PDB file of N, CA and C in Angstrom:
ATOM      1  N   MET A   1       7.301  93.373 -75.158  1.00  0.00           N
ATOM      2  CA  MET A   1       5.903  93.595 -74.879  1.00  0.00           C
ATOM      3  C   MET A   1       5.056  93.045 -76.026  1.00  0.00           C
ATOM      4  N   VAL A   2       4.008  92.324 -75.686  1.00  0.00           N
ATOM      5  CA  VAL A   2       3.105  91.750 -76.680  1.00  0.00           C
ATOM      6  C   VAL A   2       2.009  92.753 -76.992  1.00  0.00           C
ATOM      7  N   GLU A   3       1.777  92.972 -78.297  1.00  0.00           N
ATOM      8  CA  GLU A   3       0.699  93.858 -78.713  1.00  0.00           C
ATOM      9  C   GLU A   3      -0.452  92.997 -79.202  1.00  0.00           C
ATOM     10  N   TYR A   4      -1.634  93.190 -78.628  1.00  0.00           N
ATOM     11  CA  TYR A   4      -2.801  92.420 -79.020  1.00  0.00           C
ATOM     12  C   TYR A   4      -3.601  93.184 -80.063  1.00  0.00           C
ATOM     13  N   VAL A   5      -4.134  92.446 -81.041  1.00  0.00           N
ATOM     14  CA  VAL A   5      -4.957  93.043 -82.079  1.00  0.00           C
ATOM     15  C   VAL A   5      -6.409  92.916 -81.650  1.00  0.00           C
ATOM     16  N   LYS A   6      -7.115  94.020 -81.647  1.00  0.00           N
ATOM     17  CA  LYS A   6      -8.533  93.992 -81.299  1.00  0.00           C
ATOM     18  C   LYS A   6      -9.281  93.274 -82.426  1.00  0.00           C
ATOM     19  N   THR A   7     -10.173  92.373 -82.054  1.00  0.00           N
ATOM     20  CA  THR A   7     -10.951  91.648 -83.054  1.00  0.00           C
ATOM     21  C   THR A   7     -12.437  91.939 -82.878  1.00  0.00           C
ATOM     22  N   PHE A   8     -13.213  91.599 -83.889  1.00  0.00           N
ATOM     23  CA  PHE A   8     -14.660  91.768 -83.842  1.00  0.00           C
ATOM     24  C   PHE A   8     -15.283  90.756 -84.793  1.00  0.00           C
ATOM     25  N   PRO A   9     -16.571  90.437 -84.632  1.00  0.00           N
ATOM     26  CA  PRO A   9     -17.207  89.483 -85.547  1.00  0.00           C
ATOM     27  C   PRO A   9     -17.402  90.106 -86.929  1.00  0.00           C
ATOM     28  N   CYS A  10     -16.980  89.404 -87.961  1.00  0.00           N
ATOM     29  CA  CYS A  10     -17.129  89.867 -89.343  1.00  0.00           C
ATOM     30  C   CYS A  10     -18.613  89.872 -89.709  1.00  0.00           C
ATOM     31  N   GLU A  11     -19.073  90.943 -90.379  1.00  0.00           N
ATOM     32  CA  GLU A  11     -20.480  91.021 -90.791  1.00  0.00           C
ATOM     33  C   GLU A  11     -20.816  89.980 -91.837  1.00  0.00           C
ATOM     34  N   GLY A  12     -19.822  89.562 -92.616  1.00  0.00           N
ATOM     35  CA  GLY A  12     -20.089  88.626 -93.701  1.00  0.00           C
ATOM     36  C   GLY A  12     -20.173  87.176 -93.284  1.00  0.00           C
ATOM     37  N   CYS A  13     -19.263  86.747 -92.391  1.00  0.00           N
ATOM     38  CA  CYS A  13     -19.204  85.322 -92.058  1.00  0.00           C
ATOM     39  C   CYS A  13     -19.382  85.038 -90.573  1.00  0.00           C
ATOM     40  N   GLY A  14     -19.317  86.074 -89.728  1.00  0.00           N
ATOM     41  CA  GLY A  14     -19.490  85.878 -88.297  1.00  0.00           C
ATOM     42  C   GLY A  14     -18.242  85.449 -87.553  1.00  0.00           C
ATOM     43  N   LYS A  15     -17.144  85.106 -88.283  1.00  0.00           N
ATOM     44  CA  LYS A  15     -15.886  84.715 -87.637  1.00  0.00           C
ATOM     45  C   LYS A  15     -15.216  85.949 -87.050  1.00  0.00           C
ATOM     46  N   GLN A  16     -14.317  85.734 -86.102  1.00  0.00           N
ATOM     47  CA  GLN A  16     -13.553  86.843 -85.549  1.00  0.00           C
ATOM     48  C   GLN A  16     -12.583  87.362 -86.611  1.00  0.00           C
ATOM     49  N   ALA A  17     -12.534  88.663 -86.775  1.00  0.00           N
ATOM     50  CA  ALA A  17     -11.665  89.303 -87.763  1.00  0.00           C
ATOM     51  C   ALA A  17     -10.742  90.268 -87.043  1.00  0.00           C
ATOM     52  N   SER A  18      -9.635  90.613 -87.701  1.00  0.00           N
ATOM     53  CA  SER A  18      -8.699  91.575 -87.117  1.00  0.00           C
ATOM     54  C   SER A  18      -9.337  92.950 -87.061  1.00  0.00           C
ATOM     55  N   GLY A  19      -8.632  93.897 -86.501  1.00  0.00           N
ATOM     56  CA  GLY A  19      -9.130  95.266 -86.401  1.00  0.00           C
ATOM     57  C   GLY A  19      -9.509  95.861 -87.738  1.00  0.00           C
ATOM     58  N   ARG A  20      -8.836  95.443 -88.810  1.00  0.00           N
ATOM     59  CA  ARG A  20      -9.160  95.950 -90.148  1.00  0.00           C
ATOM     60  C   ARG A  20     -10.251  95.116 -90.806  1.00  0.00           C
ATOM     61  N   GLY A  21     -10.575  93.968 -90.231  1.00  0.00           N
ATOM     62  CA  GLY A  21     -11.630  93.128 -90.784  1.00  0.00           C
ATOM     63  C   GLY A  21     -11.141  92.248 -91.909  1.00  0.00           C
ATOM     64  N   HIS A  22     -12.058  91.485 -92.464  1.00  0.00           N
ATOM     65  CA  HIS A  22     -11.743  90.688 -93.645  1.00  0.00           C
ATOM     66  C   HIS A  22     -11.841  91.595 -94.861  1.00  0.00           C
ATOM     67  N   LEU A  23     -11.107  91.300 -95.903  1.00  0.00           N
ATOM     68  CA  LEU A  23     -11.162  92.123 -97.110  1.00  0.00           C
ATOM     69  C   LEU A  23     -12.535  92.043 -97.758  1.00  0.00           C
ATOM     70  N   CYS A  24     -13.279  90.975 -97.474  1.00  0.00           N
ATOM     71  CA  CYS A  24     -14.639  90.832 -98.006  1.00  0.00           C
ATOM     72  C   CYS A  24     -15.563  91.882 -97.380  1.00  0.00           C
ATOM     73  N   HIS A  25     -15.343  92.148 -96.083  1.00  0.00           N
ATOM     74  CA  HIS A  25     -16.155  93.110 -95.329  1.00  0.00           C
ATOM     75  C   HIS A  25     -15.223  93.921 -94.428  1.00  0.00           C
ATOM     76  N   PRO A  26     -14.467  94.864 -95.006  1.00  0.00           N
ATOM     77  CA  PRO A  26     -13.488  95.608 -94.201  1.00  0.00           C
ATOM     78  C   PRO A  26     -14.128  96.529 -93.167  1.00  0.00           C
ATOM     79  N   ASN A  27     -13.393  96.762 -92.091  1.00  0.00           N
ATOM     80  CA  ASN A  27     -13.812  97.669 -91.033  1.00  0.00           C
ATOM     81  C   ASN A  27     -13.306  99.062 -91.393  1.00  0.00           C
ATOM     82  N   LYS A  28     -14.182  99.896 -91.880  1.00  0.00           N
ATOM     83  CA  LYS A  28     -13.791 101.240 -92.323  1.00  0.00           C
ATOM     84  C   LYS A  28     -13.332 102.127 -91.169  1.00  0.00           C
ATOM     85  N   ASP A  29     -13.718 101.768 -89.928  1.00  0.00           N
ATOM     86  CA  ASP A  29     -13.303 102.553 -88.763  1.00  0.00           C
ATOM     87  C   ASP A  29     -11.819 102.396 -88.457  1.00  0.00           C
ATOM     88  N   ALA A  30     -11.177 101.372 -89.030  1.00  0.00           N
ATOM     89  CA  ALA A  30      -9.766 101.102 -88.755  1.00  0.00           C
ATOM     90  C   ALA A  30      -8.835 101.805 -89.756  1.00  0.00           C
ATOM     91  N   LEU A  31      -9.369 102.719 -90.538  1.00  0.00           N
ATOM     92  CA  LEU A  31      -8.568 103.433 -91.528  1.00  0.00           C
ATOM     93  C   LEU A  31      -8.117 104.772 -90.958  1.00  0.00           C
ATOM     94  N   PRO A  32      -7.012 105.321 -91.389  1.00  0.00           N
ATOM     95  CA  PRO A  32      -6.013 104.706 -92.256  1.00  0.00           C
ATOM     96  C   PRO A  32      -5.156 103.696 -91.485  1.00  0.00           C
ATOM     97  N   PHE A  33      -4.401 102.882 -92.242  1.00  0.00           N
ATOM     98  CA  PHE A  33      -3.469 101.936 -91.637  1.00  0.00           C
ATOM     99  C   PHE A  33      -2.174 101.962 -92.441  1.00  0.00           C
ATOM    100  N   ASP A  34      -1.089 101.470 -91.847  1.00  0.00           N
ATOM    101  CA  ASP A  34       0.190 101.398 -92.545  1.00  0.00           C
ATOM    102  C   ASP A  34       0.321 100.036 -93.206  1.00  0.00           C
ATOM    103  N   CYS A  35       0.498 100.021 -94.529  1.00  0.00           N
ATOM    104  CA  CYS A  35       0.641  98.773 -95.284  1.00  0.00           C
ATOM    105  C   CYS A  35       1.930  98.089 -94.868  1.00  0.00           C
ATOM    106  N   GLU A  36       1.841  96.804 -94.530  1.00  0.00           N
ATOM    107  CA  GLU A  36       3.037  96.072 -94.107  1.00  0.00           C
ATOM    108  C   GLU A  36       3.976  95.765 -95.267  1.00  0.00           C
ATOM    109  N   TYR A  37       3.529  95.937 -96.506  1.00  0.00           N
ATOM    110  CA  TYR A  37       4.362  95.647 -97.674  1.00  0.00           C
ATOM    111  C   TYR A  37       5.056  96.883 -98.228  1.00  0.00           C
ATOM    112  N   CYS A  38       4.327  97.999 -98.381  1.00  0.00           N
ATOM    113  CA  CYS A  38       4.930  99.199 -98.968  1.00  0.00           C
ATOM    114  C   CYS A  38       5.165 100.305 -97.943  1.00  0.00           C
ATOM    115  N   ALA A  39       4.684 100.102 -96.704  1.00  0.00           N
ATOM    116  CA  ALA A  39       4.878 101.028 -95.579  1.00  0.00           C
ATOM    117  C   ALA A  39       4.174 102.381 -95.749  1.00  0.00           C
ATOM    118  N   LYS A  40       3.282 102.498 -96.733  1.00  0.00           N
ATOM    119  CA  LYS A  40       2.539 103.746 -96.906  1.00  0.00           C
ATOM    120  C   LYS A  40       1.309 103.751 -96.008  1.00  0.00           C
ATOM    121  N   SER A  41       0.881 104.941 -95.609  1.00  0.00           N
ATOM    122  CA  SER A  41      -0.369 105.095 -94.875  1.00  0.00           C
ATOM    123  C   SER A  41      -1.483 105.059 -95.919  1.00  0.00           C
ATOM    124  N   VAL A  42      -2.443 104.157 -95.731  1.00  0.00           N
ATOM    125  CA  VAL A  42      -3.450 103.886 -96.750  1.00  0.00           C
ATOM    126  C   VAL A  42      -4.860 104.148 -96.223  1.00  0.00           C
ATOM    127  N   ASP A  43      -5.696 104.769 -97.052  1.00  0.00           N
ATOM    128  CA  ASP A  43      -7.089 105.057 -96.697  1.00  0.00           C
ATOM    129  C   ASP A  43      -8.073 104.071 -97.311  1.00  0.00           C
ATOM    130  N   GLU A  44      -7.589 103.098 -98.076  1.00  0.00           N
ATOM    131  CA  GLU A  44      -8.445 102.117 -98.749  1.00  0.00           C
ATOM    132  C   GLU A  44      -8.252 100.750 -98.099  1.00  0.00           C
ATOM    133  N   ALA A  45      -9.316 100.198 -97.503  1.00  0.00           N
ATOM    134  CA  ALA A  45      -9.223  98.918 -96.792  1.00  0.00           C
ATOM    135  C   ALA A  45      -8.781  97.777 -97.694  1.00  0.00           C
ATOM    136  N   ARG A  46      -9.108  97.854 -98.969  1.00  0.00           N
ATOM    137  CA  ARG A  46      -8.755  96.789 -99.915  1.00  0.00           C
ATOM    138  C   ARG A  46      -7.524  97.152-100.742  1.00  0.00           C
ATOM    139  N   HIS A  47      -6.639  97.930-100.154  1.00  0.00           N
ATOM    140  CA  HIS A  47      -5.392  98.368-100.794  1.00  0.00           C
ATOM    141  C   HIS A  47      -4.578  97.179-101.309  1.00  0.00           C
ATOM    142  N   VAL A  48      -4.097  97.282-102.547  1.00  0.00           N
ATOM    143  CA  VAL A  48      -3.172  96.301-103.125  1.00  0.00           C
ATOM    144  C   VAL A  48      -2.037  97.097-103.743  1.00  0.00           C
ATOM    145  N   CYS A  49      -0.796  96.737-103.391  1.00  0.00           N
ATOM    146  CA  CYS A  49       0.371  97.427-103.942  1.00  0.00           C
ATOM    147  C   CYS A  49       1.248  96.410-104.682  1.00  0.00           C
ATOM    148  N   THR A  50       2.185  96.907-105.454  1.00  0.00           N
ATOM    149  CA  THR A  50       3.076  96.053-106.240  1.00  0.00           C
ATOM    150  C   THR A  50       3.827  95.066-105.358  1.00  0.00           C
ATOM    151  N   GLU A  51       4.271  95.513-104.193  1.00  0.00           N
ATOM    152  CA  GLU A  51       5.022  94.656-103.276  1.00  0.00           C
ATOM    153  C   GLU A  51       4.180  93.480-102.760  1.00  0.00           C
ATOM    154  N   MET A  52       2.880  93.638-102.750  1.00  0.00           N
ATOM    155  CA  MET A  52       1.972  92.626-102.226  1.00  0.00           C
ATOM    156  C   MET A  52       1.647  91.527-103.245  1.00  0.00           C
ATOM    157  N   ILE A  53       1.680  91.848-104.513  1.00  0.00           N
ATOM    158  CA  ILE A  53       1.227  90.938-105.575  1.00  0.00           C
ATOM    159  C   ILE A  53       1.868  89.556-105.499  1.00  0.00           C
ATOM    160  N   ASP A  54       3.178  89.470-105.326  1.00  0.00           N
ATOM    161  CA  ASP A  54       3.863  88.172-105.281  1.00  0.00           C
ATOM    162  C   ASP A  54       3.527  87.358-104.035  1.00  0.00           C
ATOM    163  N   LYS A  55       2.942  87.989-103.026  1.00  0.00           N
ATOM    164  CA  LYS A  55       2.617  87.313-101.769  1.00  0.00           C
ATOM    165  C   LYS A  55       1.202  86.732-101.755  1.00  0.00           C
ATOM    166  N   ILE A  56       0.377  87.088-102.735  1.00  0.00           N
ATOM    167  CA  ILE A  56      -1.021  86.646-102.748  1.00  0.00           C
ATOM    168  C   ILE A  56      -1.097  85.138-102.957  1.00  0.00           C
ATOM    169  N   GLU A  57      -1.774  84.457-102.018  1.00  0.00           N
ATOM    170  CA  GLU A  57      -1.888  83.001-102.073  1.00  0.00           C
ATOM    171  C   GLU A  57      -3.306  82.486-101.894  1.00  0.00           C
ATOM    172  N   TYR A  58      -4.266  83.377-101.584  1.00  0.00           N
ATOM    173  CA  TYR A  58      -5.631  82.931-101.299  1.00  0.00           C
ATOM    174  C   TYR A  58      -6.660  83.743-102.066  1.00  0.00           C
ATOM    175  N   VAL A  59      -7.760  83.095-102.385  1.00  0.00           N
ATOM    176  CA  VAL A  59      -8.907  83.743-103.003  1.00  0.00           C
ATOM    177  C   VAL A  59     -10.118  83.396-102.146  1.00  0.00           C
ATOM    178  N   CYS A  60     -11.031  84.340-102.005  1.00  0.00           N
ATOM    179  CA  CYS A  60     -12.256  84.079-101.237  1.00  0.00           C
ATOM    180  C   CYS A  60     -13.249  83.366-102.153  1.00  0.00           C
ATOM    181  N   LYS A  61     -13.739  82.207-101.723  1.00  0.00           N
ATOM    182  CA  LYS A  61     -14.706  81.442-102.511  1.00  0.00           C
ATOM    183  C   LYS A  61     -16.036  82.185-102.611  1.00  0.00           C
ATOM    184  N   LYS A  62     -16.273  83.112-101.694  1.00  0.00           N
ATOM    185  CA  LYS A  62     -17.546  83.839-101.648  1.00  0.00           C
ATOM    186  C   LYS A  62     -17.563  85.055-102.581  1.00  0.00           C
ATOM    187  N   CYS A  63     -16.497  85.888-102.513  1.00  0.00           N
ATOM    188  CA  CYS A  63     -16.534  87.149-103.264  1.00  0.00           C
ATOM    189  C   CYS A  63     -15.416  87.310-104.292  1.00  0.00           C
ATOM    190  N   GLY A  64     -14.418  86.409-104.286  1.00  0.00           N
ATOM    191  CA  GLY A  64     -13.350  86.476-105.280  1.00  0.00           C
ATOM    192  C   GLY A  64     -12.189  87.390-104.928  1.00  0.00           C
ATOM    193  N   ARG A  65     -12.200  88.018-103.753  1.00  0.00           N
ATOM    194  CA  ARG A  65     -11.089  88.886-103.339  1.00  0.00           C
ATOM    195  C   ARG A  65      -9.834  88.055-103.138  1.00  0.00           C
ATOM    196  N   LEU A  66      -8.685  88.655-103.385  1.00  0.00           N
ATOM    197  CA  LEU A  66      -7.391  87.996-103.220  1.00  0.00           C
ATOM    198  C   LEU A  66      -6.711  88.495-101.962  1.00  0.00           C
ATOM    199  N   ALA A  67      -5.894  87.636-101.320  1.00  0.00           N
ATOM    200  CA  ALA A  67      -5.185  88.042-100.101  1.00  0.00           C
ATOM    201  C   ALA A  67      -3.919  87.211 -99.917  1.00  0.00           C
ATOM    202  N   ALA A  68      -2.985  87.763 -99.158  1.00  0.00           N
ATOM    203  CA  ALA A  68      -1.733  87.072 -98.835  1.00  0.00           C
ATOM    204  C   ALA A  68      -1.929  86.094 -97.677  1.00  0.00           C
ATOM    205  N   TYR A  69      -2.892  86.370 -96.801  1.00  0.00           N
ATOM    206  CA  TYR A  69      -3.149  85.516 -95.632  1.00  0.00           C
ATOM    207  C   TYR A  69      -4.591  85.029 -95.650  1.00  0.00           C
ATOM    208  N   SER A  70      -4.797  83.778 -95.297  1.00  0.00           N
ATOM    209  CA  SER A  70      -6.150  83.211 -95.283  1.00  0.00           C
ATOM    210  C   SER A  70      -7.051  83.923 -94.278  1.00  0.00           C
ATOM    211  N   SER A  71      -6.472  84.444 -93.203  1.00  0.00           N
ATOM    212  CA  SER A  71      -7.255  85.105 -92.164  1.00  0.00           C
ATOM    213  C   SER A  71      -7.896  86.413 -92.628  1.00  0.00           C
ATOM    214  N   LEU A  72      -7.503  86.902 -93.800  1.00  0.00           N
ATOM    215  CA  LEU A  72      -8.049  88.151 -94.313  1.00  0.00           C
ATOM    216  C   LEU A  72      -9.307  87.955 -95.153  1.00  0.00           C
ATOM    217  N   LEU A  73      -9.730  86.688 -95.334  1.00  0.00           N
ATOM    218  CA  LEU A  73     -10.889  86.390 -96.171  1.00  0.00           C
ATOM    219  C   LEU A  73     -11.931  85.589 -95.404  1.00  0.00           C
ATOM    220  N   CYS A  74     -13.187  85.737 -95.791  1.00  0.00           N
ATOM    221  CA  CYS A  74     -14.278  85.004 -95.136  1.00  0.00           C
ATOM    222  C   CYS A  74     -14.227  83.506 -95.460  1.00  0.00           C
ATOM    223  N   GLU A  75     -14.042  83.161 -96.731  1.00  0.00           N
ATOM    224  CA  GLU A  75     -13.987  81.759 -97.148  1.00  0.00           C
ATOM    225  C   GLU A  75     -12.755  81.551 -98.025  1.00  0.00           C
ATOM    226  N   PRO A  76     -11.550  81.494 -97.408  1.00  0.00           N
ATOM    227  CA  PRO A  76     -10.316  81.408 -98.182  1.00  0.00           C
ATOM    228  C   PRO A  76     -10.113  80.045 -98.841  1.00  0.00           C
ATOM    229  N   GLU A  77      -9.514  80.098-100.029  1.00  0.00           N
ATOM    230  CA  GLU A  77      -9.123  78.899-100.753  1.00  0.00           C
ATOM    231  C   GLU A  77      -7.727  79.148-101.304  1.00  0.00           C
ATOM    232  N   ASP A  78      -6.823  78.198-101.109  1.00  0.00           N
ATOM    233  CA  ASP A  78      -5.455  78.321-101.606  1.00  0.00           C
ATOM    234  C   ASP A  78      -5.488  78.323-103.128  1.00  0.00           C
ATOM    235  N   ILE A  79      -4.784  79.269-103.765  1.00  0.00           N
ATOM    236  CA  ILE A  79      -4.787  79.317-105.224  1.00  0.00           C
ATOM    237  C   ILE A  79      -3.711  78.417-105.823  1.00  0.00           C
ATOM    238  N   GLY A  80      -2.917  77.758-104.965  1.00  0.00           N
ATOM    239  CA  GLY A  80      -1.960  76.765-105.424  1.00  0.00           C
ATOM    240  C   GLY A  80      -0.758  77.312-106.165  1.00  0.00           C
ATOM    241  N   ARG A  81      -0.286  78.486-105.769  1.00  0.00           N
ATOM    242  CA  ARG A  81       0.925  79.047-106.398  1.00  0.00           C
ATOM    243  C   ARG A  81       2.151  78.357-105.849  1.00  0.00           C
ATOM    244  N   GLU A  82       3.156  78.233-106.675  1.00  0.00           N
ATOM    245  CA  GLU A  82       4.427  77.654-106.212  1.00  0.00           C
ATOM    246  C   GLU A  82       5.549  78.601-106.450  1.00  0.00           C
TER     247      GLU A  82
END
Protein backbone atom coordinates (compact mmCIF):
# COMPACT_ATOMS: atom_id res chain seq x y z
CA MET A 1 0.00 0.00 0.00
CA VAL A 2 1.29 3.45 -0.94
CA GLU A 3 1.15 6.12 1.75
CA TYR A 4 0.79 9.67 0.45
CA VAL A 5 2.24 12.64 2.30
CA LYS A 6 -0.11 15.59 2.61
CA THR A 7 1.51 18.73 1.23
CA PHE A 8 0.76 22.44 1.52
CA PRO A 9 2.26 25.68 0.15
CA CYS A 10 5.23 26.85 2.25
CA GLU A 11 4.70 30.32 3.78
CA GLY A 12 8.29 31.25 3.01
CA CYS A 13 8.74 30.29 -0.63
CA GLY A 14 5.30 29.20 -1.88
CA LYS A 15 6.58 25.77 -3.04
CA GLN A 16 4.76 22.61 -2.01
CA ALA A 17 6.15 21.30 1.28
CA SER A 18 5.68 18.03 3.14
CA GLY A 19 3.29 17.72 6.06
CA ARG A 20 6.05 18.94 8.40
CA GLY A 21 6.94 21.81 6.07
CA HIS A 22 10.33 23.20 5.22
CA LEU A 23 12.74 23.65 8.12
CA CYS A 24 12.80 27.36 7.22
CA HIS A 25 9.04 27.58 7.93
CA PRO A 26 7.96 24.39 9.75
CA ASN A 27 4.33 23.35 10.10
CA LYS A 28 3.80 23.32 13.86
CA ASP A 29 0.48 21.49 13.41
CA ALA A 30 2.39 18.38 12.29
CA LEU A 31 4.05 17.91 15.69
CA PRO A 32 5.00 15.62 17.28
CA PHE A 33 6.64 13.38 14.66
CA ASP A 34 8.94 10.35 14.78
CA CYS A 35 12.52 11.19 13.74
CA GLU A 36 13.62 8.90 10.92
CA TYR A 37 17.21 8.93 12.25
CA CYS A 38 16.89 8.40 16.02
CA ALA A 39 13.28 7.06 16.08
CA LYS A 40 12.32 9.35 18.98
CA SER A 41 9.00 11.20 19.10
CA VAL A 42 9.97 14.86 18.75
CA ASP A 43 8.10 18.09 19.58
CA GLU A 44 10.60 20.42 17.86
CA ALA A 45 10.15 20.88 14.08
CA ARG A 46 13.82 21.78 13.66
CA HIS A 47 15.05 18.74 15.63
CA VAL A 48 18.68 17.73 14.98
CA CYS A 49 20.12 14.56 16.52
CA THR A 50 23.59 13.00 16.50
CA GLU A 51 22.48 10.35 13.99
CA MET A 52 21.43 13.09 11.56
CA ILE A 53 24.66 15.14 11.57
CA ASP A 54 26.60 12.93 9.11
CA LYS A 55 23.66 13.01 6.67
CA ILE A 56 23.45 16.81 6.35
CA GLU A 57 24.21 17.85 2.77
CA TYR A 58 22.26 21.08 2.17
CA VAL A 59 22.12 24.61 3.52
CA CYS A 60 19.31 27.09 2.84
CA LYS A 61 20.65 30.14 0.97
CA LYS A 62 17.86 32.19 2.56
CA CYS A 63 18.07 31.38 6.28
CA GLY A 64 21.17 29.18 6.77
CA ARG A 65 19.31 26.11 8.12
CA LEU A 66 20.94 22.74 7.46
CA ALA A 67 19.16 19.62 6.17
CA ALA A 68 19.80 16.09 4.89
CA TYR A 69 17.36 16.52 1.97
CA SER A 70 17.02 19.49 -0.38
CA SER A 71 13.22 19.21 -0.19
CA LEU A 72 13.34 20.30 3.46
CA LEU A 73 14.62 23.80 2.62
CA CYS A 74 13.17 26.78 0.75
CA GLU A 75 16.38 27.61 -1.19
CA PRO A 76 18.70 24.58 -0.84
CA GLU A 77 22.36 24.66 -1.82
CA ASP A 78 24.63 21.61 -1.77
CA ILE A 79 27.39 22.09 0.82
CA GLY A 80 29.71 19.84 -1.22
CA ARG A 81 30.53 17.20 1.39
CA GLU A 82 32.26 14.05 0.24
